[in-house]
Amino acid sequence: MLFNLARRSALAALALWVGGAAMAQADWPAKTVTVIVPSSPGGGTDAYGRILAQALSEQLKQTFAVDNKPGASGAIGAAAAAQAPADGHTLLVASNSSLGINPGLYKTLQYDVWRDFAPVTRGVIAPMVVVAHPEAKVKTLAELIERGKREPEKLFYGTAGTGSPLYLGVRMLEQASGAKFSHVPYKGVGPAYTDLLGGRLQFMLTDLASVRQHIDAGKLLALAITDKSALLPAVPSFAEAGMANYKAFTSFSVVLPAKVPPALVKRIADEVARAMRQPATAQRLEQQALLPVFDTPEQFAASLKDEQQTWAAFIQQHGITGD
């Protein structure tokens, strides 16, 4: 009798939990959703975060508010998202610095990707482009590399920190070419662009979304791009520029606090995919050279594990440490 009573109590509790989870999913979003972007305004992560926030706001008739929390290669914003309530009202839109690189770069982090987050989707992949200030007097990737060999560490580039794909991408370029450059870390890519446009930096490797307007205005010269883009048809790919084995990329993804119910994770993943497929949103992403991925939470989790292993191996091989 006691067993049956305990069993009925357990079943009742389970029914209440399932019912509550289903209700939470049906009611979502019940209030403003905070979209944490762990970088300063002006970069590709911010651009994608704002495009997605606007699209979801229009689609779900609820406010999605971007909250920039830059610093430590995305670690500060990621830690804040990890501590948020697991009710689906806080999203983290992060580059692969926070999710794919930092775990292999830092011995201690304020968050653990697999303990603290539920993968939602790898939202977009962004082509990376090498841009130079006109006063740097380099017009091609070959000229940049030649200067980096002839005058090692005389050309300066900026990134959002040692853990960023932009920094590791330049390290890959140095490894493949034998050139040497000087790194200047910033709290976010926005301030780095300011110094690049002012001529205090000579070049940067960055996502096309962040610098396209400056390329179009003639303020920066595009030397090479990871993959050919119709937005810059005259700019050669790295392969066309003689770097066929060069592989680097940046992506901007969506995750939730870990304890968000799986059904709500799937609901949010579906809503993100639906938002990105809207014609107006698809056009905005295309204008920013952001390529939608449309993977499921399970597919994103699998690819993220592979990415973490790849970056960790490169970081260990070259003895790279975090700022």
Protein backbone atom coordinates (compact mmCIF):
# COMPACT_ATOMS: atom_id res chain seq x y z
CA MET A 1 0.00 0.00 0.00
CA LEU A 2 2.80 2.38 0.92
CA PHE A 3 4.54 1.44 -2.33
CA ASN A 4 1.41 2.21 -4.36
CA LEU A 5 0.98 5.53 -2.55
CA ALA A 6 4.60 6.51 -3.25
CA ARG A 7 4.22 5.41 -6.86
CA ARG A 8 1.05 7.51 -7.30
CA SER A 9 2.81 10.51 -5.72
CA ALA A 10 5.80 10.12 -8.05
CA LEU A 11 3.53 9.85 -11.09
CA ALA A 12 1.58 12.91 -9.99
CA ALA A 13 4.81 14.89 -9.54
CA LEU A 14 6.01 13.78 -12.97
CA ALA A 15 2.69 14.81 -14.51
CA LEU A 16 2.94 18.22 -12.89
CA TRP A 17 6.53 18.63 -14.14
CA VAL A 18 5.65 17.57 -17.69
CA GLY A 19 2.57 19.77 -17.65
CA GLY A 20 4.57 22.71 -16.35
CA ALA A 21 7.26 22.22 -18.98
CA ALA A 22 4.66 22.02 -21.73
CA MET A 23 2.96 25.17 -20.44
CA ALA A 24 6.30 26.98 -20.26
CA GLN A 25 6.97 26.03 -23.85
CA ALA A 26 3.51 27.13 -24.99
CA ASP A 27 3.78 30.46 -23.16
CA TRP A 28 7.28 31.27 -24.41
CA PRO A 29 8.16 34.06 -24.74
CA ALA A 30 6.10 35.41 -21.88
CA LYS A 31 8.28 38.49 -21.38
CA THR A 32 11.25 40.33 -22.89
CA VAL A 33 14.00 37.96 -24.02
CA THR A 34 17.56 39.11 -23.35
CA VAL A 35 19.99 38.32 -26.16
CA ILE A 36 23.48 38.43 -24.66
CA VAL A 37 26.19 39.28 -27.17
CA PRO A 38 29.63 38.78 -25.56
CA SER A 39 31.36 41.44 -27.68
CA SER A 40 31.23 45.19 -28.20
CA PRO A 41 28.89 46.78 -30.76
CA GLY A 42 30.21 46.92 -34.29
CA GLY A 43 31.45 43.36 -34.82
CA GLY A 44 29.99 40.40 -36.66
CA THR A 45 28.60 38.76 -33.51
CA ASP A 46 26.73 41.96 -32.73
CA ALA A 47 25.48 42.26 -36.31
CA TYR A 48 24.05 38.74 -36.28
CA GLY A 49 22.65 39.15 -32.77
CA ARG A 50 20.77 42.29 -33.77
CA ILE A 51 19.46 40.83 -37.03
CA LEU A 52 18.21 37.76 -35.18
CA ALA A 53 16.73 39.78 -32.30
CA GLN A 54 14.77 41.98 -34.70
CA ALA A 55 13.51 38.99 -36.70
CA LEU A 56 12.38 37.10 -33.58
CA SER A 57 10.74 40.22 -32.14
CA GLU A 58 8.67 40.65 -35.30
CA GLN A 59 7.91 36.95 -35.60
CA LEU A 60 6.88 36.29 -31.99
CA LYS A 61 5.44 39.74 -31.14
CA GLN A 62 7.69 40.05 -28.11
CA THR A 63 10.78 42.15 -27.42
CA PHE A 64 14.19 40.55 -27.91
CA ALA A 65 16.72 43.00 -26.44
CA VAL A 66 20.44 42.81 -27.23
CA ASP A 67 22.75 43.16 -24.23
CA ASN A 68 26.43 43.61 -25.14
CA LYS A 69 28.84 42.15 -22.55
CA PRO A 70 32.33 42.31 -24.09
CA GLY A 71 35.64 41.14 -22.71
CA ALA A 72 37.96 38.14 -22.28
CA SER A 73 37.35 36.78 -25.80
CA GLY A 74 33.66 36.35 -25.06
CA ALA A 75 34.12 34.71 -21.65
CA ILE A 76 32.45 37.51 -19.65
CA GLY A 77 29.20 37.43 -21.62
CA ALA A 78 29.18 33.63 -21.74
CA ALA A 79 29.56 33.44 -17.96
CA ALA A 80 26.65 35.84 -17.52
CA ALA A 81 24.44 33.74 -19.79
CA ALA A 82 25.41 30.55 -17.97
CA GLN A 83 24.09 32.03 -14.71
CA ALA A 84 20.79 33.22 -16.19
CA PRO A 85 17.45 31.55 -15.30
CA ALA A 86 16.78 28.47 -17.42
CA ASP A 87 13.38 29.64 -18.68
CA GLY A 88 14.25 30.45 -22.29
CA HIS A 89 14.25 34.21 -21.71
CA THR A 90 18.02 34.56 -22.03
CA LEU A 91 19.81 33.61 -25.25
CA LEU A 92 23.55 33.73 -25.82
CA VAL A 93 24.60 34.65 -29.35
CA ALA A 94 28.32 33.97 -29.42
CA SER A 95 31.17 33.54 -31.85
CA ASN A 96 33.19 30.36 -31.84
CA SER A 97 35.62 32.10 -29.46
CA SER A 98 33.30 31.54 -26.51
CA LEU A 99 32.13 28.05 -27.42
CA GLY A 100 34.77 26.40 -29.59
CA ILE A 101 38.09 28.03 -28.69
CA ASN A 102 38.07 29.19 -25.06
CA PRO A 103 37.72 25.65 -23.61
CA GLY A 104 41.07 24.71 -25.18
CA LEU A 105 42.72 28.05 -24.47
CA TYR A 106 42.04 28.79 -20.80
CA LYS A 107 42.87 26.46 -17.93
CA THR A 108 40.02 27.94 -15.92
CA LEU A 109 36.78 29.48 -17.18
CA GLN A 110 33.76 30.83 -15.34
CA TYR A 111 31.62 28.50 -17.42
CA ASP A 112 31.72 25.02 -18.94
CA VAL A 113 30.19 24.72 -22.39
CA TRP A 114 28.72 21.26 -21.84
CA ARG A 115 27.71 21.72 -18.21
CA ASP A 116 26.25 25.22 -18.47
CA PHE A 117 24.75 25.46 -21.97
CA ALA A 118 22.22 23.72 -24.19
CA PRO A 119 23.26 24.01 -27.87
CA VAL A 120 20.50 25.46 -30.05
CA THR A 121 22.01 26.07 -33.49
CA ARG A 122 25.11 27.27 -35.28
CA GLY A 123 23.29 30.26 -36.69
CA VAL A 124 25.63 31.50 -39.41
CA ILE A 125 29.13 31.16 -40.77
CA ALA A 126 30.93 34.37 -41.77
CA PRO A 127 33.64 34.52 -44.45
CA MET A 128 36.87 36.00 -43.11
CA VAL A 129 38.71 38.69 -45.04
CA VAL A 130 42.15 40.26 -44.66
CA VAL A 131 41.87 44.05 -44.85
CA ALA A 132 44.64 46.63 -44.76
CA HIS A 133 44.77 50.36 -44.20
CA PRO A 134 45.83 52.15 -47.43
CA GLU A 135 48.84 53.70 -45.68
CA ALA A 136 50.19 50.21 -44.95
CA LYS A 137 51.16 50.12 -48.65
CA VAL A 138 50.19 46.48 -49.20
CA LYS A 139 47.69 45.75 -51.94
CA THR A 140 47.76 41.95 -52.04
CA LEU A 141 48.07 39.07 -49.59
CA ALA A 142 51.43 38.23 -51.14
CA GLU A 143 52.69 41.75 -50.40
CA LEU A 144 51.46 41.52 -46.80
CA ILE A 145 53.27 38.22 -46.31
CA GLU A 146 56.43 39.54 -47.95
CA ARG A 147 56.44 42.53 -45.58
CA GLY A 148 55.86 40.18 -42.66
CA LYS A 149 58.95 38.21 -43.65
CA ARG A 150 61.16 41.18 -44.55
CA GLU A 151 60.11 43.26 -41.54
CA PRO A 152 59.00 40.74 -38.88
CA GLU A 153 56.65 42.14 -36.22
CA LYS A 154 56.64 45.61 -37.78
CA LEU A 155 53.04 45.36 -39.01
CA PHE A 156 50.36 45.52 -36.30
CA TYR A 157 46.95 43.86 -36.29
CA GLY A 158 44.13 43.94 -33.75
CA THR A 159 41.70 41.35 -32.43
CA ALA A 160 39.20 40.89 -29.61
CA GLY A 161 41.82 38.85 -27.75
CA THR A 162 44.04 35.82 -27.93
CA GLY A 163 41.05 33.48 -27.91
CA SER A 164 39.37 34.96 -30.94
CA PRO A 165 39.20 33.16 -34.30
CA LEU A 166 40.68 36.35 -35.77
CA TYR A 167 43.85 35.98 -33.70
CA LEU A 168 44.18 32.25 -34.32
CA GLY A 169 43.54 32.88 -38.01
CA VAL A 170 46.54 35.22 -38.19
CA ARG A 171 48.63 32.68 -36.27
CA MET A 172 47.65 30.10 -38.89
CA LEU A 173 48.68 32.55 -41.61
CA GLU A 174 52.05 33.06 -39.92
CA GLN A 175 52.56 29.32 -39.62
CA ALA A 176 51.71 28.68 -43.26
CA SER A 177 53.78 31.57 -44.69
CA GLY A 178 56.68 32.20 -42.31
CA ALA A 179 55.67 35.85 -41.82
CA LYS A 180 55.59 37.47 -38.38
CA PHE A 181 53.19 40.19 -37.23
CA SER A 182 52.52 42.05 -33.96
CA HIS A 183 49.27 41.42 -32.12
CA VAL A 184 47.31 44.15 -30.29
CA PRO A 185 44.43 42.71 -28.20
CA TYR A 186 41.30 44.79 -27.55
CA LYS A 187 38.27 44.36 -25.31
CA GLY A 188 36.16 44.00 -28.46
CA VAL A 189 36.59 44.26 -32.21
CA GLY A 190 34.82 47.64 -32.37
CA PRO A 191 37.78 49.56 -30.86
CA ALA A 192 40.17 47.61 -33.07
CA TYR A 193 38.31 48.78 -36.18
CA THR A 194 38.58 52.36 -34.94
CA ASP A 195 42.36 52.06 -34.71
CA LEU A 196 42.58 50.29 -38.05
CA LEU A 197 40.58 53.02 -39.77
CA GLY A 198 42.80 55.60 -38.06
CA GLY A 199 45.96 53.94 -39.37
CA ARG A 200 47.22 52.92 -35.94
CA LEU A 201 46.89 49.29 -37.04
CA GLN A 202 48.09 48.17 -40.45
CA PHE A 203 45.78 45.21 -41.10
CA MET A 204 43.22 42.82 -39.63
CA LEU A 205 41.74 39.43 -40.36
CA THR A 206 38.03 39.76 -39.66
CA ASP A 207 34.57 38.79 -40.82
CA LEU A 208 33.33 40.46 -43.96
CA ALA A 209 30.12 41.60 -42.27
CA SER A 210 32.04 43.95 -40.00
CA VAL A 211 34.13 45.77 -42.61
CA ARG A 212 32.26 45.61 -45.87
CA GLN A 213 31.06 49.22 -45.61
CA HIS A 214 34.63 50.42 -45.10
CA ILE A 215 35.83 48.38 -48.08
CA ASP A 216 33.06 49.81 -50.27
CA ALA A 217 33.99 53.34 -49.11
CA GLY A 218 37.65 52.81 -50.00
CA LYS A 219 38.80 53.25 -46.39
CA LEU A 220 40.18 49.70 -46.26
CA LEU A 221 41.67 47.43 -48.92
CA ALA A 222 40.50 43.82 -49.09
CA LEU A 223 43.46 41.53 -49.81
CA ALA A 224 41.95 38.02 -49.64
CA ILE A 225 38.85 36.20 -48.42
CA THR A 226 38.43 32.67 -47.09
CA ASP A 227 35.70 31.86 -49.63
CA LYS A 228 34.74 33.75 -52.76
CA SER A 229 31.87 36.15 -52.22
CA ALA A 230 29.56 37.82 -54.70
CA LEU A 231 29.79 40.89 -52.47
CA LEU A 232 33.52 41.18 -53.29
CA PRO A 233 33.87 39.49 -56.68
CA ALA A 234 37.28 41.05 -57.43
CA VAL A 235 38.86 39.89 -54.17
CA PRO A 236 40.71 36.58 -54.48
CA SER A 237 40.13 33.66 -52.16
CA PHE A 238 43.03 32.47 -50.04
CA ALA A 239 43.41 29.54 -52.44
CA GLU A 240 43.59 31.90 -55.43
CA ALA A 241 46.13 33.99 -53.50
CA GLY A 242 48.41 30.96 -53.09
CA MET A 243 47.22 29.72 -49.67
CA ALA A 244 45.24 26.64 -50.71
CA ASN A 245 45.66 24.85 -47.37
CA TYR A 246 44.63 27.80 -45.23
CA LYS A 247 41.55 26.89 -43.17
CA ALA A 248 40.02 29.35 -40.71
CA PHE A 249 36.46 30.47 -40.12
CA THR A 250 34.25 32.29 -37.69
CA SER A 251 30.66 31.51 -36.82
CA PHE A 252 27.94 32.97 -34.65
CA SER A 253 25.76 30.53 -32.75
CA VAL A 254 22.87 30.39 -30.30
CA VAL A 255 22.87 28.55 -26.96
CA LEU A 256 20.67 28.55 -23.87
CA PRO A 257 21.30 27.91 -20.17
CA ALA A 258 21.72 24.16 -19.71
CA LYS A 259 18.58 23.40 -17.73
CA VAL A 260 16.12 24.78 -20.27
CA PRO A 261 13.73 21.87 -21.02
CA PRO A 262 14.66 20.00 -24.24
CA ALA A 263 11.23 20.66 -25.76
CA LEU A 264 11.73 24.41 -25.32
CA VAL A 265 15.27 24.17 -26.75
CA LYS A 266 13.81 22.56 -29.86
CA ARG A 267 11.03 25.16 -30.03
CA ILE A 268 13.57 27.98 -29.92
CA ALA A 269 15.78 26.28 -32.51
CA ASP A 270 12.76 25.99 -34.81
CA GLU A 271 11.86 29.65 -34.27
CA VAL A 272 15.44 30.76 -35.03
CA ALA A 273 15.44 28.75 -38.27
CA ARG A 274 12.01 30.10 -39.23
CA ALA A 275 13.16 33.67 -38.55
CA MET A 276 16.26 33.30 -40.70
CA ARG A 277 14.18 31.92 -43.56
CA GLN A 278 11.96 35.01 -43.65
CA PRO A 279 12.72 36.86 -46.92
CA ALA A 280 13.57 40.17 -45.22
CA THR A 281 15.89 38.48 -42.72
CA ALA A 282 17.51 36.30 -45.38
CA GLN A 283 18.21 39.46 -47.38
CA ARG A 284 19.78 41.21 -44.38
CA LEU A 285 21.98 38.19 -43.69
CA GLU A 286 23.03 38.06 -47.34
CA GLN A 287 23.89 41.75 -47.31
CA GLN A 288 26.15 41.09 -44.31
CA ALA A 289 27.73 38.05 -46.01
CA LEU A 290 26.41 35.79 -43.25
CA LEU A 291 25.66 32.24 -44.42
CA PRO A 292 22.80 30.47 -42.53
CA VAL A 293 23.49 26.93 -41.32
CA PHE A 294 20.03 25.65 -40.21
CA ASP A 295 21.36 22.76 -38.13
CA THR A 296 19.46 21.06 -35.31
CA PRO A 297 20.60 21.19 -31.67
CA GLU A 298 21.99 17.67 -32.07
CA GLN A 299 23.89 18.52 -35.25
CA PHE A 300 25.29 21.69 -33.71
CA ALA A 301 26.45 19.80 -30.60
CA ALA A 302 28.30 17.22 -32.72
CA SER A 303 30.04 19.83 -34.90
CA LEU A 304 30.93 21.93 -31.84
CA LYS A 305 32.68 18.96 -30.21
CA ASP A 306 34.74 18.42 -33.37
CA GLU A 307 35.59 22.12 -33.52
CA GLN A 308 36.73 22.20 -29.90
CA GLN A 309 39.11 19.30 -30.56
CA THR A 310 40.57 20.97 -33.66
CA TRP A 311 41.22 24.31 -31.96
CA ALA A 312 42.58 22.65 -28.80
CA ALA A 313 45.11 20.70 -30.86
CA PHE A 314 46.29 23.86 -32.68
CA ILE A 315 46.51 25.84 -29.43
CA GLN A 316 48.52 23.11 -27.71
CA GLN A 317 50.81 22.61 -30.71
CA HIS A 318 51.78 26.29 -30.77
CA GLY A 319 51.85 26.92 -27.04
CA ILE A 320 49.19 29.64 -27.22
CA THR A 321 47.90 30.95 -23.90
CA GLY A 322 44.99 33.26 -23.08
CA ASP A 323 45.45 36.96 -22.28
